[in-house]
Amino acid sequence: MIGIYRFFILLLSFLCGSALGEILQILLPDIARSYPPLAFTASWSFAPIAVNLAVCSFTFGASITVNTLSFLGAGISAIILLFTAKK
Protein backbone atom coordinates (compact mmCIF):
# COMPACT_ATOMS: atom_id res chain seq x y z
CA MET A 1 0.00 0.00 0.00
CA ILE A 2 2.89 2.37 0.74
CA GLY A 3 4.31 1.74 -2.74
CA ILE A 4 1.07 2.86 -4.36
CA TYR A 5 1.05 5.96 -2.15
CA ARG A 6 4.62 6.81 -3.20
CA PHE A 7 3.81 6.24 -6.87
CA PHE A 8 0.86 8.63 -6.75
CA ILE A 9 2.88 11.25 -4.86
CA LEU A 10 5.59 11.06 -7.55
CA LEU A 11 2.99 11.23 -10.30
CA LEU A 12 1.29 14.22 -8.69
CA SER A 13 4.59 16.05 -8.24
CA PHE A 14 5.48 15.28 -11.87
CA LEU A 15 2.18 16.78 -13.03
CA CYS A 16 2.51 19.84 -10.76
CA GLY A 17 6.04 20.47 -12.02
CA SER A 18 4.84 20.21 -15.60
CA ALA A 19 1.99 22.65 -14.97
CA LEU A 20 4.36 25.05 -13.21
CA GLY A 21 6.78 24.91 -16.15
CA GLU A 22 4.01 25.69 -18.63
CA ILE A 23 2.77 28.59 -16.50
CA LEU A 24 6.29 30.01 -16.19
CA GLN A 25 6.80 29.81 -19.95
CA ILE A 26 3.60 31.81 -20.45
CA LEU A 27 4.23 34.39 -17.71
CA LEU A 28 7.99 34.80 -18.24
CA PRO A 29 8.72 34.22 -21.95
CA ASP A 30 11.96 36.25 -21.84
CA ILE A 31 13.53 33.94 -19.25
CA ALA A 32 12.43 30.90 -21.23
CA ARG A 33 14.10 32.29 -24.37
CA SER A 34 17.30 33.33 -22.61
CA TYR A 35 17.70 30.04 -20.71
CA PRO A 36 16.81 27.23 -23.17
CA PRO A 37 17.00 24.28 -20.70
CA LEU A 38 14.10 25.84 -18.79
CA ALA A 39 11.99 25.89 -21.94
CA PHE A 40 12.71 22.28 -22.95
CA THR A 41 9.45 20.45 -23.60
CA ALA A 42 8.92 16.98 -25.00
CA SER A 43 5.62 15.49 -26.06
CA TRP A 44 4.66 11.89 -26.79
CA SER A 45 1.26 10.72 -27.92
CA PHE A 46 -0.62 7.71 -29.17
CA ALA A 47 -2.97 8.35 -32.05
CA PRO A 48 -6.64 8.11 -31.14
CA ILE A 49 -8.26 4.77 -31.86
CA ALA A 50 -11.99 4.83 -32.52
CA VAL A 51 -14.12 1.80 -31.67
CA ASN A 52 -17.62 2.05 -33.12
CA LEU A 53 -20.12 -0.45 -31.79
CA ALA A 54 -23.77 -0.76 -32.66
CA VAL A 55 -24.87 0.77 -29.35
CA CYS A 56 -22.04 3.15 -28.49
CA SER A 57 -18.63 4.33 -29.63
CA PHE A 58 -15.34 4.88 -27.80
CA THR A 59 -12.20 6.79 -28.64
CA PHE A 60 -8.97 5.89 -26.88
CA GLY A 61 -5.81 7.98 -26.99
CA ALA A 62 -3.08 9.33 -24.73
CA SER A 63 -0.67 12.24 -24.75
CA ILE A 64 2.15 13.11 -22.35
CA THR A 65 3.92 16.46 -22.30
CA VAL A 66 6.89 16.92 -19.97
CA ASN A 67 9.31 19.76 -19.35
CA THR A 68 12.35 20.45 -17.21
CA LEU A 69 10.40 21.45 -14.14
CA SER A 70 8.37 18.23 -14.17
CA PHE A 71 11.60 16.25 -13.72
CA LEU A 72 12.74 18.70 -11.07
CA GLY A 73 9.45 18.31 -9.18
CA ALA A 74 9.61 14.52 -9.37
CA GLY A 75 13.24 14.56 -8.19
CA ILE A 76 12.49 16.77 -5.19
CA SER A 77 9.50 14.59 -4.33
CA ALA A 78 11.61 11.42 -4.59
CA ILE A 79 14.24 12.87 -2.25
CA ILE A 80 11.58 13.90 0.27
CA LEU A 81 9.94 10.47 0.10
CA LEU A 82 13.33 8.79 0.50
CA PHE A 83 14.19 10.69 3.68
CA THR A 84 10.72 10.49 5.23
CA ALA A 85 10.24 6.76 4.60
CA LYS A 86 9.53 4.65 7.65
CA LYS A 87 12.21 2.06 8.23
PDB file of N, CA and C in Angstrom:
ATOM      1  N   MET A   1       0.819  -1.197   0.000  1.00  0.00           N
ATOM      2  CA  MET A   1       0.000   0.000   0.000  1.00  0.00           C
ATOM      3  C   MET A   1       0.862   1.261   0.000  1.00  0.00           C
ATOM      4  N   ILE A   2       1.996   1.205   0.694  1.00  0.00           N
ATOM      5  CA  ILE A   2       2.885   2.366   0.743  1.00  0.00           C
ATOM      6  C   ILE A   2       3.493   2.630  -0.629  1.00  0.00           C
ATOM      7  N   GLY A   3       3.758   1.572  -1.398  1.00  0.00           N
ATOM      8  CA  GLY A   3       4.308   1.735  -2.739  1.00  0.00           C
ATOM      9  C   GLY A   3       3.349   2.474  -3.657  1.00  0.00           C
ATOM     10  N   ILE A   4       2.073   2.169  -3.547  1.00  0.00           N
ATOM     11  CA  ILE A   4       1.068   2.857  -4.362  1.00  0.00           C
ATOM     12  C   ILE A   4       0.989   4.328  -3.957  1.00  0.00           C
ATOM     13  N   TYR A   5       1.064   4.587  -2.656  1.00  0.00           N
ATOM     14  CA  TYR A   5       1.051   5.961  -2.149  1.00  0.00           C
ATOM     15  C   TYR A   5       2.242   6.735  -2.715  1.00  0.00           C
ATOM     16  N   ARG A   6       3.420   6.139  -2.680  1.00  0.00           N
ATOM     17  CA  ARG A   6       4.615   6.809  -3.202  1.00  0.00           C
ATOM     18  C   ARG A   6       4.509   7.049  -4.702  1.00  0.00           C
ATOM     19  N   PHE A   7       3.973   6.083  -5.433  1.00  0.00           N
ATOM     20  CA  PHE A   7       3.808   6.244  -6.869  1.00  0.00           C
ATOM     21  C   PHE A   7       2.897   7.421  -7.187  1.00  0.00           C
ATOM     22  N   PHE A   8       1.786   7.534  -6.487  1.00  0.00           N
ATOM     23  CA  PHE A   8       0.859   8.628  -6.754  1.00  0.00           C
ATOM     24  C   PHE A   8       1.422   9.980  -6.320  1.00  0.00           C
ATOM     25  N   ILE A   9       2.216  10.004  -5.261  1.00  0.00           N
ATOM     26  CA  ILE A   9       2.876  11.251  -4.860  1.00  0.00           C
ATOM     27  C   ILE A   9       3.867  11.682  -5.936  1.00  0.00           C
ATOM     28  N   LEU A  10       4.654  10.731  -6.476  1.00  0.00           N
ATOM     29  CA  LEU A  10       5.588  11.061  -7.546  1.00  0.00           C
ATOM     30  C   LEU A  10       4.859  11.516  -8.805  1.00  0.00           C
ATOM     31  N   LEU A  11       3.772  10.846  -9.134  1.00  0.00           N
ATOM     32  CA  LEU A  11       2.987  11.231 -10.304  1.00  0.00           C
ATOM     33  C   LEU A  11       2.388  12.620 -10.132  1.00  0.00           C
ATOM     34  N   LEU A  12       1.862  12.905  -8.958  1.00  0.00           N
ATOM     35  CA  LEU A  12       1.289  14.220  -8.689  1.00  0.00           C
ATOM     36  C   LEU A  12       2.352  15.312  -8.749  1.00  0.00           C
ATOM     37  N   SER A  13       3.530  15.051  -8.195  1.00  0.00           N
ATOM     38  CA  SER A  13       4.593  16.051  -8.243  1.00  0.00           C
ATOM     39  C   SER A  13       5.091  16.250  -9.669  1.00  0.00           C
ATOM     40  N   PHE A  14       5.106  15.184 -10.464  1.00  0.00           N
ATOM     41  CA  PHE A  14       5.484  15.281 -11.873  1.00  0.00           C
ATOM     42  C   PHE A  14       4.493  16.172 -12.622  1.00  0.00           C
ATOM     43  N   LEU A  15       3.206  15.971 -12.373  1.00  0.00           N
ATOM     44  CA  LEU A  15       2.176  16.782 -13.026  1.00  0.00           C
ATOM     45  C   LEU A  15       2.214  18.233 -12.566  1.00  0.00           C
ATOM     46  N   CYS A  16       2.431  18.457 -11.272  1.00  0.00           N
ATOM     47  CA  CYS A  16       2.506  19.837 -10.765  1.00  0.00           C
ATOM     48  C   CYS A  16       3.721  20.558 -11.329  1.00  0.00           C
ATOM     49  N   GLY A  17       4.854  19.863 -11.424  1.00  0.00           N
ATOM     50  CA  GLY A  17       6.042  20.470 -12.021  1.00  0.00           C
ATOM     51  C   GLY A  17       5.826  20.810 -13.475  1.00  0.00           C
ATOM     52  N   SER A  18       5.137  19.943 -14.195  1.00  0.00           N
ATOM     53  CA  SER A  18       4.840  20.208 -15.599  1.00  0.00           C
ATOM     54  C   SER A  18       3.922  21.414 -15.750  1.00  0.00           C
ATOM     55  N   ALA A  19       2.903  21.491 -14.929  1.00  0.00           N
ATOM     56  CA  ALA A  19       1.994  22.647 -14.973  1.00  0.00           C
ATOM     57  C   ALA A  19       2.731  23.926 -14.605  1.00  0.00           C
ATOM     58  N   LEU A  20       3.592  23.874 -13.605  1.00  0.00           N
ATOM     59  CA  LEU A  20       4.357  25.053 -13.209  1.00  0.00           C
ATOM     60  C   LEU A  20       5.289  25.503 -14.333  1.00  0.00           C
ATOM     61  N   GLY A  21       5.912  24.558 -15.020  1.00  0.00           N
ATOM     62  CA  GLY A  21       6.776  24.907 -16.146  1.00  0.00           C
ATOM     63  C   GLY A  21       6.012  25.570 -17.272  1.00  0.00           C
ATOM     64  N   GLU A  22       4.826  25.067 -17.578  1.00  0.00           N
ATOM     65  CA  GLU A  22       4.008  25.691 -18.627  1.00  0.00           C
ATOM     66  C   GLU A  22       3.565  27.089 -18.226  1.00  0.00           C
ATOM     67  N   ILE A  23       3.194  27.270 -16.973  1.00  0.00           N
ATOM     68  CA  ILE A  23       2.775  28.591 -16.495  1.00  0.00           C
ATOM     69  C   ILE A  23       3.933  29.575 -16.545  1.00  0.00           C
ATOM     70  N   LEU A  24       5.135  29.125 -16.140  1.00  0.00           N
ATOM     71  CA  LEU A  24       6.293  30.010 -16.186  1.00  0.00           C
ATOM     72  C   LEU A  24       6.662  30.392 -17.612  1.00  0.00           C
ATOM     73  N   GLN A  25       6.500  29.481 -18.556  1.00  0.00           N
ATOM     74  CA  GLN A  25       6.797  29.811 -19.948  1.00  0.00           C
ATOM     75  C   GLN A  25       5.814  30.843 -20.499  1.00  0.00           C
ATOM     76  N   ILE A  26       4.590  30.826 -20.004  1.00  0.00           N
ATOM     77  CA  ILE A  26       3.602  31.812 -20.454  1.00  0.00           C
ATOM     78  C   ILE A  26       3.836  33.161 -19.771  1.00  0.00           C
ATOM     79  N   LEU A  27       4.084  33.145 -18.455  1.00  0.00           N
ATOM     80  CA  LEU A  27       4.229  34.392 -17.712  1.00  0.00           C
ATOM     81  C   LEU A  27       5.587  35.056 -17.921  1.00  0.00           C
ATOM     82  N   LEU A  28       6.636  34.263 -18.108  1.00  0.00           N
ATOM     83  CA  LEU A  28       7.989  34.803 -18.244  1.00  0.00           C
ATOM     84  C   LEU A  28       8.645  34.318 -19.534  1.00  0.00           C
ATOM     85  N   PRO A  29       8.164  34.738 -20.684  1.00  0.00           N
ATOM     86  CA  PRO A  29       8.722  34.219 -21.946  1.00  0.00           C
ATOM     87  C   PRO A  29      10.170  34.656 -22.189  1.00  0.00           C
ATOM     88  N   ASP A  30      10.588  35.794 -21.638  1.00  0.00           N
ATOM     89  CA  ASP A  30      11.961  36.251 -21.838  1.00  0.00           C
ATOM     90  C   ASP A  30      12.964  35.331 -21.160  1.00  0.00           C
ATOM     91  N   ILE A  31      12.642  34.867 -19.963  1.00  0.00           N
ATOM     92  CA  ILE A  31      13.528  33.942 -19.251  1.00  0.00           C
ATOM     93  C   ILE A  31      13.585  32.613 -19.979  1.00  0.00           C
ATOM     94  N   ALA A  32      12.463  32.163 -20.495  1.00  0.00           N
ATOM     95  CA  ALA A  32      12.426  30.900 -21.228  1.00  0.00           C
ATOM     96  C   ALA A  32      13.267  30.976 -22.497  1.00  0.00           C
ATOM     97  N   ARG A  33      13.279  32.135 -23.159  1.00  0.00           N
ATOM     98  CA  ARG A  33      14.102  32.287 -24.372  1.00  0.00           C
ATOM     99  C   ARG A  33      15.574  32.429 -24.041  1.00  0.00           C
ATOM    100  N   SER A  34      15.903  33.098 -22.943  1.00  0.00           N
ATOM    101  CA  SER A  34      17.304  33.328 -22.613  1.00  0.00           C
ATOM    102  C   SER A  34      17.956  32.120 -21.941  1.00  0.00           C
ATOM    103  N   TYR A  35      17.170  31.236 -21.363  1.00  0.00           N
ATOM    104  CA  TYR A  35      17.698  30.039 -20.713  1.00  0.00           C
ATOM    105  C   TYR A  35      16.994  28.824 -21.311  1.00  0.00           C
ATOM    106  N   PRO A  36      17.505  28.297 -22.432  1.00  0.00           N
ATOM    107  CA  PRO A  36      16.806  27.225 -23.167  1.00  0.00           C
ATOM    108  C   PRO A  36      16.512  25.946 -22.381  1.00  0.00           C
ATOM    109  N   PRO A  37      17.373  25.504 -21.435  1.00  0.00           N
ATOM    110  CA  PRO A  37      16.997  24.283 -20.703  1.00  0.00           C
ATOM    111  C   PRO A  37      15.702  24.420 -19.909  1.00  0.00           C
ATOM    112  N   LEU A  38      15.360  25.636 -19.510  1.00  0.00           N
ATOM    113  CA  LEU A  38      14.104  25.842 -18.793  1.00  0.00           C
ATOM    114  C   LEU A  38      12.908  25.648 -19.716  1.00  0.00           C
ATOM    115  N   ALA A  39      13.091  25.962 -20.987  1.00  0.00           N
ATOM    116  CA  ALA A  39      11.987  25.889 -21.944  1.00  0.00           C
ATOM    117  C   ALA A  39      11.899  24.544 -22.651  1.00  0.00           C
ATOM    118  N   PHE A  40      12.754  23.581 -22.298  1.00  0.00           N
ATOM    119  CA  PHE A  40      12.711  22.276 -22.954  1.00  0.00           C
ATOM    120  C   PHE A  40      11.384  21.584 -22.671  1.00  0.00           C
ATOM    121  N   THR A  41      10.712  21.167 -23.717  1.00  0.00           N
ATOM    122  CA  THR A  41       9.445  20.449 -23.602  1.00  0.00           C
ATOM    123  C   THR A  41       9.447  19.300 -24.594  1.00  0.00           C
ATOM    124  N   ALA A  42       9.040  18.141 -24.127  1.00  0.00           N
ATOM    125  CA  ALA A  42       8.919  16.978 -25.002  1.00  0.00           C
ATOM    126  C   ALA A  42       7.493  16.455 -24.908  1.00  0.00           C
ATOM    127  N   SER A  43       6.984  15.973 -26.022  1.00  0.00           N
ATOM    128  CA  SER A  43       5.618  15.492 -26.057  1.00  0.00           C
ATOM    129  C   SER A  43       5.560  14.151 -26.785  1.00  0.00           C
ATOM    130  N   TRP A  44       4.889  13.194 -26.187  1.00  0.00           N
ATOM    131  CA  TRP A  44       4.659  11.892 -26.794  1.00  0.00           C
ATOM    132  C   TRP A  44       3.167  11.629 -26.799  1.00  0.00           C
ATOM    133  N   SER A  45       2.692  11.000 -27.860  1.00  0.00           N
ATOM    134  CA  SER A  45       1.263  10.719 -27.917  1.00  0.00           C
ATOM    135  C   SER A  45       1.001   9.455 -28.721  1.00  0.00           C
ATOM    136  N   PHE A  46      -0.107   8.837 -28.408  1.00  0.00           N
ATOM    137  CA  PHE A  46      -0.622   7.715 -29.165  1.00  0.00           C
ATOM    138  C   PHE A  46      -1.812   8.237 -29.966  1.00  0.00           C
ATOM    139  N   ALA A  47      -1.868   7.885 -31.206  1.00  0.00           N
ATOM    140  CA  ALA A  47      -2.965   8.352 -32.051  1.00  0.00           C
ATOM    141  C   ALA A  47      -4.294   7.807 -31.520  1.00  0.00           C
ATOM    142  N   PRO A  48      -5.346   8.590 -31.614  1.00  0.00           N
ATOM    143  CA  PRO A  48      -6.644   8.111 -31.140  1.00  0.00           C
ATOM    144  C   PRO A  48      -7.132   6.910 -31.949  1.00  0.00           C
ATOM    145  N   ILE A  49      -7.681   5.962 -31.237  1.00  0.00           N
ATOM    146  CA  ILE A  49      -8.256   4.770 -31.861  1.00  0.00           C
ATOM    147  C   ILE A  49      -9.756   4.806 -31.603  1.00  0.00           C
ATOM    148  N   ALA A  50     -10.537   4.779 -32.648  1.00  0.00           N
ATOM    149  CA  ALA A  50     -11.992   4.827 -32.524  1.00  0.00           C
ATOM    150  C   ALA A  50     -12.554   3.410 -32.612  1.00  0.00           C
ATOM    151  N   VAL A  51     -13.425   3.082 -31.669  1.00  0.00           N
ATOM    152  CA  VAL A  51     -14.122   1.796 -31.667  1.00  0.00           C
ATOM    153  C   VAL A  51     -15.610   2.106 -31.773  1.00  0.00           C
ATOM    154  N   ASN A  52     -16.194   1.791 -32.894  1.00  0.00           N
ATOM    155  CA  ASN A  52     -17.618   2.046 -33.118  1.00  0.00           C
ATOM    156  C   ASN A  52     -18.395   0.743 -32.990  1.00  0.00           C
ATOM    157  N   LEU A  53     -19.254   0.706 -32.003  1.00  0.00           N
ATOM    158  CA  LEU A  53     -20.116  -0.451 -31.794  1.00  0.00           C
ATOM    159  C   LEU A  53     -21.535  -0.073 -32.216  1.00  0.00           C
ATOM    160  N   ALA A  54     -22.394  -1.027 -32.246  1.00  0.00           N
ATOM    161  CA  ALA A  54     -23.772  -0.757 -32.662  1.00  0.00           C
ATOM    162  C   ALA A  54     -24.490   0.158 -31.664  1.00  0.00           C
ATOM    163  N   VAL A  55     -24.169   0.023 -30.383  1.00  0.00           N
ATOM    164  CA  VAL A  55     -24.870   0.769 -29.352  1.00  0.00           C
ATOM    165  C   VAL A  55     -24.128   2.047 -28.953  1.00  0.00           C
ATOM    166  N   CYS A  56     -22.819   1.993 -28.916  1.00  0.00           N
ATOM    167  CA  CYS A  56     -22.039   3.150 -28.485  1.00  0.00           C
ATOM    168  C   CYS A  56     -20.681   3.148 -29.189  1.00  0.00           C
ATOM    169  N   SER A  57     -19.958   4.238 -29.036  1.00  0.00           N
ATOM    170  CA  SER A  57     -18.634   4.327 -29.628  1.00  0.00           C
ATOM    171  C   SER A  57     -17.652   4.878 -28.595  1.00  0.00           C
ATOM    172  N   PHE A  58     -16.404   4.453 -28.705  1.00  0.00           N
ATOM    173  CA  PHE A  58     -15.342   4.878 -27.797  1.00  0.00           C
ATOM    174  C   PHE A  58     -14.176   5.394 -28.617  1.00  0.00           C
ATOM    175  N   THR A  59     -13.448   6.324 -28.050  1.00  0.00           N
ATOM    176  CA  THR A  59     -12.203   6.792 -28.638  1.00  0.00           C
ATOM    177  C   THR A  59     -11.134   6.750 -27.558  1.00  0.00           C
ATOM    178  N   PHE A  60     -10.069   6.021 -27.819  1.00  0.00           N
ATOM    179  CA  PHE A  60      -8.970   5.887 -26.875  1.00  0.00           C
ATOM    180  C   PHE A  60      -7.738   6.584 -27.431  1.00  0.00           C
ATOM    181  N   GLY A  61      -7.040   7.311 -26.591  1.00  0.00           N
ATOM    182  CA  GLY A  61      -5.811   7.983 -26.988  1.00  0.00           C
ATOM    183  C   GLY A  61      -5.114   8.540 -25.762  1.00  0.00           C
ATOM    184  N   ALA A  62      -3.825   8.797 -25.866  1.00  0.00           N
ATOM    185  CA  ALA A  62      -3.077   9.332 -24.733  1.00  0.00           C
ATOM    186  C   ALA A  62      -2.008  10.284 -25.240  1.00  0.00           C
ATOM    187  N   SER A  63      -1.712  11.285 -24.430  1.00  0.00           N
ATOM    188  CA  SER A  63      -0.673  12.244 -24.754  1.00  0.00           C
ATOM    189  C   SER A  63       0.034  12.649 -23.469  1.00  0.00           C
ATOM    190  N   ILE A  64       1.354  12.714 -23.512  1.00  0.00           N
ATOM    191  CA  ILE A  64       2.150  13.110 -22.347  1.00  0.00           C
ATOM    192  C   ILE A  64       3.067  14.237 -22.785  1.00  0.00           C
ATOM    193  N   THR A  65       3.034  15.331 -22.047  1.00  0.00           N
ATOM    194  CA  THR A  65       3.925  16.458 -22.298  1.00  0.00           C
ATOM    195  C   THR A  65       4.717  16.718 -21.022  1.00  0.00           C
ATOM    196  N   VAL A  66       6.025  16.699 -21.138  1.00  0.00           N
ATOM    197  CA  VAL A  66       6.885  16.923 -19.972  1.00  0.00           C
ATOM    198  C   VAL A  66       7.838  18.069 -20.275  1.00  0.00           C
ATOM    199  N   ASN A  67       8.306  18.716 -19.208  1.00  0.00           N
ATOM    200  CA  ASN A  67       9.306  19.758 -19.350  1.00  0.00           C
ATOM    201  C   ASN A  67      10.328  19.620 -18.227  1.00  0.00           C
ATOM    202  N   THR A  68      11.263  20.532 -18.177  1.00  0.00           N
ATOM    203  CA  THR A  68      12.353  20.445 -17.214  1.00  0.00           C
ATOM    204  C   THR A  68      11.846  20.479 -15.778  1.00  0.00           C
ATOM    205  N   LEU A  69      10.884  21.326 -15.511  1.00  0.00           N
ATOM    206  CA  LEU A  69      10.399  21.450 -14.137  1.00  0.00           C
ATOM    207  C   LEU A  69       9.610  20.223 -13.676  1.00  0.00           C
ATOM    208  N   SER A  70       9.059  19.448 -14.593  1.00  0.00           N
ATOM    209  CA  SER A  70       8.370  18.227 -14.168  1.00  0.00           C
ATOM    210  C   SER A  70       9.381  17.223 -13.626  1.00  0.00           C
ATOM    211  N   PHE A  71      10.560  17.130 -14.257  1.00  0.00           N
ATOM    212  CA  PHE A  71      11.602  16.248 -13.721  1.00  0.00           C
ATOM    213  C   PHE A  71      12.158  16.788 -12.412  1.00  0.00           C
ATOM    214  N   LEU A  72      12.269  18.101 -12.306  1.00  0.00           N
ATOM    215  CA  LEU A  72      12.741  18.704 -11.066  1.00  0.00           C
ATOM    216  C   LEU A  72      11.758  18.436  -9.925  1.00  0.00           C
ATOM    217  N   GLY A  73      10.466  18.586 -10.205  1.00  0.00           N
ATOM    218  CA  GLY A  73       9.449  18.313  -9.177  1.00  0.00           C
ATOM    219  C   GLY A  73       9.440  16.860  -8.763  1.00  0.00           C
ATOM    220  N   ALA A  74       9.580  15.941  -9.708  1.00  0.00           N
ATOM    221  CA  ALA A  74       9.614  14.520  -9.374  1.00  0.00           C
ATOM    222  C   ALA A  74      10.876  14.182  -8.584  1.00  0.00           C
ATOM    223  N   GLY A  75      11.996  14.807  -8.923  1.00  0.00           N
ATOM    224  CA  GLY A  75      13.237  14.558  -8.188  1.00  0.00           C
ATOM    225  C   GLY A  75      13.168  15.047  -6.750  1.00  0.00           C
ATOM    226  N   ILE A  76      12.640  16.238  -6.544  1.00  0.00           N
ATOM    227  CA  ILE A  76      12.488  16.769  -5.186  1.00  0.00           C
ATOM    228  C   ILE A  76      11.538  15.887  -4.383  1.00  0.00           C
ATOM    229  N   SER A  77      10.453  15.462  -5.007  1.00  0.00           N
ATOM    230  CA  SER A  77       9.502  14.590  -4.326  1.00  0.00           C
ATOM    231  C   SER A  77      10.143  13.246  -3.972  1.00  0.00           C
ATOM    232  N   ALA A  78      10.951  12.696  -4.865  1.00  0.00           N
ATOM    233  CA  ALA A  78      11.610  11.420  -4.586  1.00  0.00           C
ATOM    234  C   ALA A  78      12.586  11.546  -3.424  1.00  0.00           C
ATOM    235  N   ILE A  79      13.316  12.657  -3.363  1.00  0.00           N
ATOM    236  CA  ILE A  79      14.242  12.867  -2.248  1.00  0.00           C
ATOM    237  C   ILE A  79      13.482  13.001  -0.937  1.00  0.00           C
ATOM    238  N   ILE A  80      12.382  13.743  -0.949  1.00  0.00           N
ATOM    239  CA  ILE A  80      11.582  13.896   0.275  1.00  0.00           C
ATOM    240  C   ILE A  80      11.003  12.556   0.703  1.00  0.00           C
ATOM    241  N   LEU A  81      10.482  11.780  -0.235  1.00  0.00           N
ATOM    242  CA  LEU A  81       9.941  10.471   0.105  1.00  0.00           C
ATOM    243  C   LEU A  81      11.022   9.525   0.609  1.00  0.00           C
ATOM    244  N   LEU A  82      12.222   9.647   0.076  1.00  0.00           N
ATOM    245  CA  LEU A  82      13.328   8.790   0.504  1.00  0.00           C
ATOM    246  C   LEU A  82      13.717   9.064   1.953  1.00  0.00           C
ATOM    247  N   PHE A  83      13.772  10.342   2.329  1.00  0.00           N
ATOM    248  CA  PHE A  83      14.194  10.691   3.677  1.00  0.00           C
ATOM    249  C   PHE A  83      13.070  10.612   4.702  1.00  0.00           C
ATOM    250  N   THR A  84      11.826  10.592   4.274  1.00  0.00           N
ATOM    251  CA  THR A  84      10.718  10.491   5.227  1.00  0.00           C
ATOM    252  C   THR A  84      10.133   9.086   5.292  1.00  0.00           C
ATOM    253  N   ALA A  85      10.753   8.134   4.600  1.00  0.00           N
ATOM    254  CA  ALA A  85      10.244   6.756   4.601  1.00  0.00           C
ATOM    255  C   ALA A  85      10.441   6.125   5.977  1.00  0.00           C
ATOM    256  N   LYS A  86       9.434   5.377   6.392  1.00  0.00           N
ATOM    257  CA  LYS A  86       9.531   4.649   7.652  1.00  0.00           C
ATOM    258  C   LYS A  86      10.375   3.419   7.451  1.00  0.00           C
ATOM    259  N   LYS A  87      11.293   3.205   8.345  1.00  0.00           N
ATOM    260  CA  LYS A  87      12.207   2.061   8.231  1.00  0.00           C
ATOM    261  C   LYS A  87      11.630   0.838   8.897  1.00  0.00           C
TER     262      LYS A  87
END
